[in-house]
Amino acid sequence: MKVVISVDMEGVCGVSSWVQVSPPEFGGLVNSTEYQSARERMTREAAAAALGALAAGATDVLVNDSHDGMRNLLPDLLPDEVRYTTGNDKPLSMVQGVQEPDVAALLFVGYHARAGSIHAPLAHTWNGYVRSVRFNGIETGEYGINALLAGHYGVPVVFASGDDIAMREITAELGSQVVTVPVKEGLSSFSAIHLHPREAQRRIRDGAERAVRTAGEARPYTTHWPAVCELGFDHQARADQCERVPGVTRTSAVTVGWESPNAWHLFQTFRMLAQVGDVRLNG
């Protein structure tokens, strides 16, 4: 059985500040001890999920670094049996690997709530200026976009860990088939009550094992196609740029919309528009 683990950092135990999740090449402090500690815990949580998957019978585990520049994992801390993916600009980004033949399940580790979520530590969607993403009227976050893309390849999401608010959002959107493990309780955008890291890793391993054992009963996430999609920004200047893209229309001062025939098109259009909208706001 092949499984893919998508590991982000904002939802990892002990993380509640942007300083902790910012590599030096992306604006973080050089030799930041907080970032180095966070990337170690990120790797250990991914390793815990991998060990759970292996215990459940997985024979091929691919860990995909899904945070920021996607060069955060410390591979020496991963189980010997796993493969791992690093590097930015991967074709499927956070879920690179789900397109491989015979992948049975996708696991989310270190995931966070969507932009605008109340009391959710470091809640955002993709970057700092995307304010909302909707398809067919459903507001979603990175978890929903990634689940739809995995579903395009017939791969279900079976497990997720991160903050408690993100776990509730994932259950509400993806359903109870996803085994969720909250490793911290959000108090505000920049604070949380955390489990001890070793306890968080133990729960992740146990949860991943339970999830992979029942992966055959899970169904890929999808929606009605073609889907009506909408992307909202923090400033109208970003929508100014995006409405110039063929097939994209302005739906409000700060939002643009389009129609996608499938999840691959939805994801690639969203990813492109997020990049197009990355403009200087001072002219």
Protein backbone atom coordinates (compact mmCIF):
# COMPACT_ATOMS: atom_id res chain seq x y z
CA MET A 1 0.00 0.00 0.00
CA LYS A 2 1.35 3.44 -0.99
CA VAL A 3 0.57 6.55 1.08
CA VAL A 4 1.59 10.18 0.83
CA ILE A 5 2.13 12.44 3.85
CA SER A 6 1.83 16.19 3.27
CA VAL A 7 3.55 17.99 6.15
CA ASP A 8 3.16 21.70 6.84
CA MET A 9 4.63 23.63 9.78
CA GLU A 10 2.09 26.13 11.13
CA GLY A 11 -0.01 23.36 12.68
CA VAL A 12 2.90 21.59 14.38
CA CYS A 13 2.94 21.28 18.16
CA GLY A 14 4.73 24.20 19.84
CA VAL A 15 4.32 26.61 16.91
CA SER A 16 2.34 29.85 17.34
CA SER A 17 4.51 32.61 15.80
CA TRP A 18 5.58 33.50 12.26
CA VAL A 19 9.16 33.76 13.54
CA GLN A 20 9.12 30.05 14.26
CA VAL A 21 8.08 29.05 10.74
CA SER A 22 10.17 31.44 8.63
CA PRO A 23 13.33 29.99 7.04
CA PRO A 24 16.18 32.53 6.64
CA GLU A 25 15.88 32.57 2.84
CA PHE A 26 12.22 33.58 3.18
CA GLY A 27 12.67 36.40 5.65
CA GLY A 28 13.43 34.49 8.83
CA LEU A 29 16.27 35.18 11.21
CA VAL A 30 19.56 33.56 10.25
CA ASN A 31 20.27 30.62 12.58
CA SER A 32 16.97 31.18 14.38
CA THR A 33 16.81 28.62 17.17
CA GLU A 34 13.01 28.84 17.09
CA TYR A 35 12.86 27.91 13.40
CA GLN A 36 15.37 25.10 13.86
CA SER A 37 13.29 23.70 16.73
CA ALA A 38 10.09 23.98 14.71
CA ARG A 39 11.55 22.17 11.70
CA GLU A 40 12.76 19.39 13.99
CA ARG A 41 9.28 18.97 15.51
CA MET A 42 7.78 19.15 12.01
CA THR A 43 10.05 16.30 10.92
CA ARG A 44 9.36 14.24 14.04
CA GLU A 45 5.59 14.59 13.56
CA ALA A 46 5.94 13.51 9.92
CA ALA A 47 8.06 10.59 11.11
CA ALA A 48 5.39 9.64 13.65
CA ALA A 49 2.73 9.59 10.93
CA ALA A 50 5.02 7.52 8.71
CA LEU A 51 5.63 5.00 11.49
CA GLY A 52 1.88 4.70 12.04
CA ALA A 53 1.30 4.14 8.33
CA LEU A 54 4.03 1.49 8.19
CA ALA A 55 2.58 -0.27 11.23
CA ALA A 56 -0.79 -0.35 9.44
CA GLY A 57 0.71 -2.13 6.46
CA ALA A 58 1.92 0.64 4.18
CA THR A 59 4.76 -0.58 1.99
CA ASP A 60 5.65 2.74 0.33
CA VAL A 61 5.50 6.04 2.27
CA LEU A 62 6.33 9.34 0.59
CA VAL A 63 6.73 12.40 2.86
CA ASN A 64 6.21 15.67 1.00
CA ASP A 65 7.66 18.85 2.55
CA SER A 66 4.78 21.32 2.12
CA HIS A 67 5.87 24.40 4.05
CA ASP A 68 7.04 27.72 2.56
CA GLY A 69 10.12 27.05 0.39
CA MET A 70 9.60 23.32 1.03
CA ARG A 71 13.14 22.68 2.24
CA ASN A 72 12.45 22.24 5.94
CA LEU A 73 12.58 18.51 6.64
CA LEU A 74 15.54 16.99 8.45
CA PRO A 75 15.66 13.65 6.60
CA ASP A 76 17.97 11.94 9.07
CA LEU A 77 15.07 12.03 11.55
CA LEU A 78 12.69 10.21 9.19
CA PRO A 79 12.28 6.43 9.26
CA ASP A 80 14.69 4.60 6.99
CA GLU A 81 11.84 3.09 4.99
CA VAL A 82 10.37 6.37 3.65
CA ARG A 83 10.99 8.47 0.58
CA TYR A 84 10.70 12.25 0.81
CA THR A 85 10.19 15.21 -1.51
CA THR A 86 11.67 18.67 -1.04
CA GLY A 87 11.95 21.81 -3.14
CA ASN A 88 9.65 24.58 -4.28
CA ASP A 89 7.54 24.84 -7.47
CA LYS A 90 6.51 21.19 -7.49
CA PRO A 91 3.74 20.51 -10.05
CA LEU A 92 1.26 19.49 -7.34
CA SER A 93 2.86 21.56 -4.57
CA MET A 94 1.65 20.38 -1.15
CA VAL A 95 0.33 17.04 -2.40
CA GLN A 96 3.10 16.10 -4.80
CA GLY A 97 3.07 12.32 -5.09
CA VAL A 98 -0.67 11.65 -5.11
CA GLN A 99 -0.47 11.32 -8.90
CA GLU A 100 1.74 8.23 -8.59
CA PRO A 101 0.09 4.88 -9.41
CA ASP A 102 -1.63 2.94 -6.64
CA VAL A 103 -1.56 5.62 -3.92
CA ALA A 104 -4.22 4.57 -1.40
CA ALA A 105 -4.30 7.47 1.05
CA LEU A 106 -3.18 11.02 1.80
CA LEU A 107 -2.29 12.19 5.31
CA PHE A 108 -2.07 15.82 6.47
CA VAL A 109 0.42 16.66 9.24
CA GLY A 110 0.95 20.12 10.77
CA TYR A 111 -2.08 21.65 9.06
CA HIS A 112 -3.69 24.96 10.06
CA ALA A 113 -7.06 26.67 9.74
CA ARG A 114 -8.16 28.72 6.75
CA ALA A 115 -7.73 32.48 6.47
CA GLY A 116 -10.09 34.41 8.69
CA SER A 117 -10.62 31.68 11.29
CA ILE A 118 -11.15 33.05 14.79
CA HIS A 119 -8.64 32.09 17.52
CA ALA A 120 -6.75 29.83 15.09
CA PRO A 121 -2.94 30.04 15.40
CA LEU A 122 -1.33 31.35 12.19
CA ALA A 123 -4.53 30.81 10.20
CA HIS A 124 -4.08 31.64 6.52
CA THR A 125 -4.64 30.24 3.06
CA TRP A 126 -1.55 29.86 0.89
CA ASN A 127 -0.05 33.31 1.63
CA GLY A 128 -0.66 36.46 3.64
CA TYR A 129 -2.96 38.23 1.20
CA VAL A 130 -5.48 35.58 0.14
CA ARG A 131 -8.55 36.20 2.30
CA SER A 132 -10.96 33.56 1.04
CA VAL A 133 -11.30 30.65 -1.38
CA ARG A 134 -14.68 29.22 -2.38
CA PHE A 135 -15.87 26.55 -4.78
CA ASN A 136 -19.57 25.95 -5.34
CA GLY A 137 -20.25 28.21 -2.36
CA ILE A 138 -18.04 26.24 0.07
CA GLU A 139 -15.38 28.29 1.83
CA THR A 140 -12.22 26.26 2.21
CA GLY A 141 -8.55 26.35 3.14
CA GLU A 142 -5.41 24.62 2.01
CA TYR A 143 -6.83 21.35 3.32
CA GLY A 144 -9.86 21.52 1.00
CA ILE A 145 -7.90 22.60 -2.07
CA ASN A 146 -5.39 19.81 -1.49
CA ALA A 147 -8.11 17.24 -0.80
CA LEU A 148 -9.88 18.12 -4.05
CA LEU A 149 -6.62 17.82 -5.99
CA ALA A 150 -5.89 14.43 -4.41
CA GLY A 151 -9.45 13.38 -5.22
CA HIS A 152 -8.77 14.18 -8.87
CA TYR A 153 -6.33 11.25 -8.77
CA GLY A 154 -8.69 9.05 -6.77
CA VAL A 155 -6.81 9.47 -3.47
CA PRO A 156 -8.79 10.06 -0.24
CA VAL A 157 -7.63 12.07 2.77
CA VAL A 158 -7.72 9.76 5.81
CA PHE A 159 -5.78 11.63 8.52
CA ALA A 160 -5.00 15.15 9.71
CA SER A 161 -3.13 16.70 12.62
CA GLY A 162 -2.76 20.33 13.63
CA ASP A 163 -4.59 22.89 15.75
CA ASP A 164 -8.06 22.13 17.09
CA ILE A 165 -9.83 24.71 14.91
CA ALA A 166 -8.27 23.33 11.74
CA MET A 167 -9.31 19.84 12.77
CA ARG A 168 -12.92 20.98 13.20
CA GLU A 169 -12.86 22.67 9.80
CA ILE A 170 -11.47 19.54 8.17
CA THR A 171 -14.11 17.32 9.76
CA ALA A 172 -16.87 19.71 8.72
CA GLU A 173 -15.72 19.77 5.09
CA LEU A 174 -14.13 16.38 4.45
CA GLY A 175 -16.24 14.30 6.82
CA SER A 176 -15.71 11.90 9.69
CA GLN A 177 -13.72 9.49 7.51
CA VAL A 178 -10.70 11.67 8.35
CA VAL A 179 -9.06 10.71 11.63
CA THR A 180 -8.10 14.03 13.24
CA VAL A 181 -5.50 14.60 15.95
CA PRO A 182 -5.39 18.07 17.51
CA VAL A 183 -1.96 18.79 18.98
CA LYS A 184 -2.76 22.28 20.28
CA GLU A 185 -5.73 24.39 21.34
CA GLY A 186 -5.91 27.81 19.72
CA LEU A 187 -6.23 30.84 21.99
CA SER A 188 -5.64 33.57 19.39
CA SER A 189 -3.88 34.15 16.09
CA PHE A 190 -0.53 33.98 17.90
CA SER A 191 -1.05 31.75 20.94
CA ALA A 192 -2.09 28.22 21.82
CA ILE A 193 -2.04 25.56 24.52
CA HIS A 194 0.18 22.73 23.29
CA LEU A 195 0.61 19.07 24.05
CA HIS A 196 4.09 17.96 25.01
CA PRO A 197 5.87 17.21 21.69
CA ARG A 198 6.39 13.54 22.53
CA GLU A 199 2.72 13.14 23.44
CA ALA A 200 1.72 14.87 20.19
CA GLN A 201 3.95 12.48 18.24
CA ARG A 202 2.50 9.47 20.06
CA ARG A 203 -1.06 10.53 19.22
CA ILE A 204 -0.13 11.21 15.60
CA ARG A 205 1.43 7.77 15.24
CA ASP A 206 -1.61 6.07 16.76
CA GLY A 207 -4.05 8.12 14.69
CA ALA A 208 -2.17 7.55 11.45
CA GLU A 209 -2.12 3.81 12.08
CA ARG A 210 -5.89 3.75 12.66
CA ALA A 211 -6.49 5.87 9.57
CA VAL A 212 -4.36 3.80 7.21
CA ARG A 213 -5.84 0.53 8.46
CA THR A 214 -9.28 1.70 7.29
CA ALA A 215 -8.11 3.61 4.20
CA GLY A 216 -9.89 1.15 1.91
CA GLU A 217 -13.24 2.42 3.21
CA ALA A 218 -12.49 6.10 2.53
CA ARG A 219 -13.74 7.99 -0.51
CA PRO A 220 -11.90 10.71 -2.45
CA TYR A 221 -13.14 14.25 -1.91
CA THR A 222 -14.91 15.91 -4.83
CA THR A 223 -17.63 18.40 -5.78
CA HIS A 224 -19.96 19.09 -8.68
CA TRP A 225 -18.14 19.86 -11.93
CA PRO A 226 -17.83 22.31 -13.50
CA ALA A 227 -17.29 24.20 -10.26
CA VAL A 228 -17.88 27.91 -9.71
CA CYS A 229 -14.78 29.27 -7.97
CA GLU A 230 -13.99 32.53 -6.19
CA LEU A 231 -10.79 33.97 -4.78
CA GLY A 232 -10.79 36.93 -2.39
CA PHE A 233 -7.83 39.20 -1.62
CA ASP A 234 -6.94 41.72 1.05
CA HIS A 235 -6.74 44.62 -1.45
CA GLN A 236 -8.48 45.59 -4.66
CA ALA A 237 -5.16 46.08 -6.49
CA ARG A 238 -4.63 42.32 -6.47
CA ALA A 239 -8.04 41.73 -8.04
CA ASP A 240 -7.18 44.44 -10.62
CA GLN A 241 -4.36 42.24 -11.87
CA CYS A 242 -6.28 38.97 -11.80
CA GLU A 243 -9.33 40.18 -13.73
CA ARG A 244 -7.03 40.66 -16.75
CA VAL A 245 -6.45 36.90 -16.95
CA PRO A 246 -8.59 35.29 -19.70
CA GLY A 247 -11.52 33.38 -18.24
CA VAL A 248 -11.41 35.27 -14.94
CA THR A 249 -14.09 37.83 -14.00
CA ARG A 250 -14.34 40.47 -11.29
CA THR A 251 -17.03 39.56 -8.75
CA SER A 252 -16.43 42.37 -6.22
CA ALA A 253 -13.84 44.97 -5.32
CA VAL A 254 -11.49 42.35 -3.88
CA THR A 255 -12.69 39.06 -5.42
CA VAL A 256 -12.43 37.33 -8.79
CA GLY A 257 -14.19 34.26 -10.11
CA TRP A 258 -13.83 31.54 -12.71
CA GLU A 259 -15.24 28.13 -13.63
CA SER A 260 -13.21 24.92 -13.44
CA PRO A 261 -14.02 21.64 -15.21
CA ASN A 262 -12.02 19.59 -12.70
CA ALA A 263 -9.85 19.83 -9.59
CA TRP A 264 -6.57 19.98 -11.46
CA HIS A 265 -7.80 23.08 -13.34
CA LEU A 266 -9.14 24.59 -10.11
CA PHE A 267 -5.83 24.13 -8.33
CA GLN A 268 -3.63 25.41 -11.13
CA THR A 269 -5.88 28.44 -11.71
CA PHE A 270 -5.91 29.24 -8.00
CA ARG A 271 -2.14 28.88 -7.81
CA MET A 272 -1.62 31.13 -10.84
CA LEU A 273 -4.00 33.83 -9.58
CA ALA A 274 -2.36 33.81 -6.16
CA GLN A 275 0.91 34.56 -7.95
CA VAL A 276 -0.61 37.18 -10.28
CA GLY A 277 -2.07 38.94 -7.27
CA ASP A 278 1.34 39.25 -5.61
CA VAL A 279 1.83 42.92 -6.51
CA ARG A 280 3.30 45.95 -4.74
CA LEU A 281 0.54 48.01 -3.15
CA ASN A 282 2.46 51.30 -3.22
CA GLY A 283 2.49 51.56 -7.03
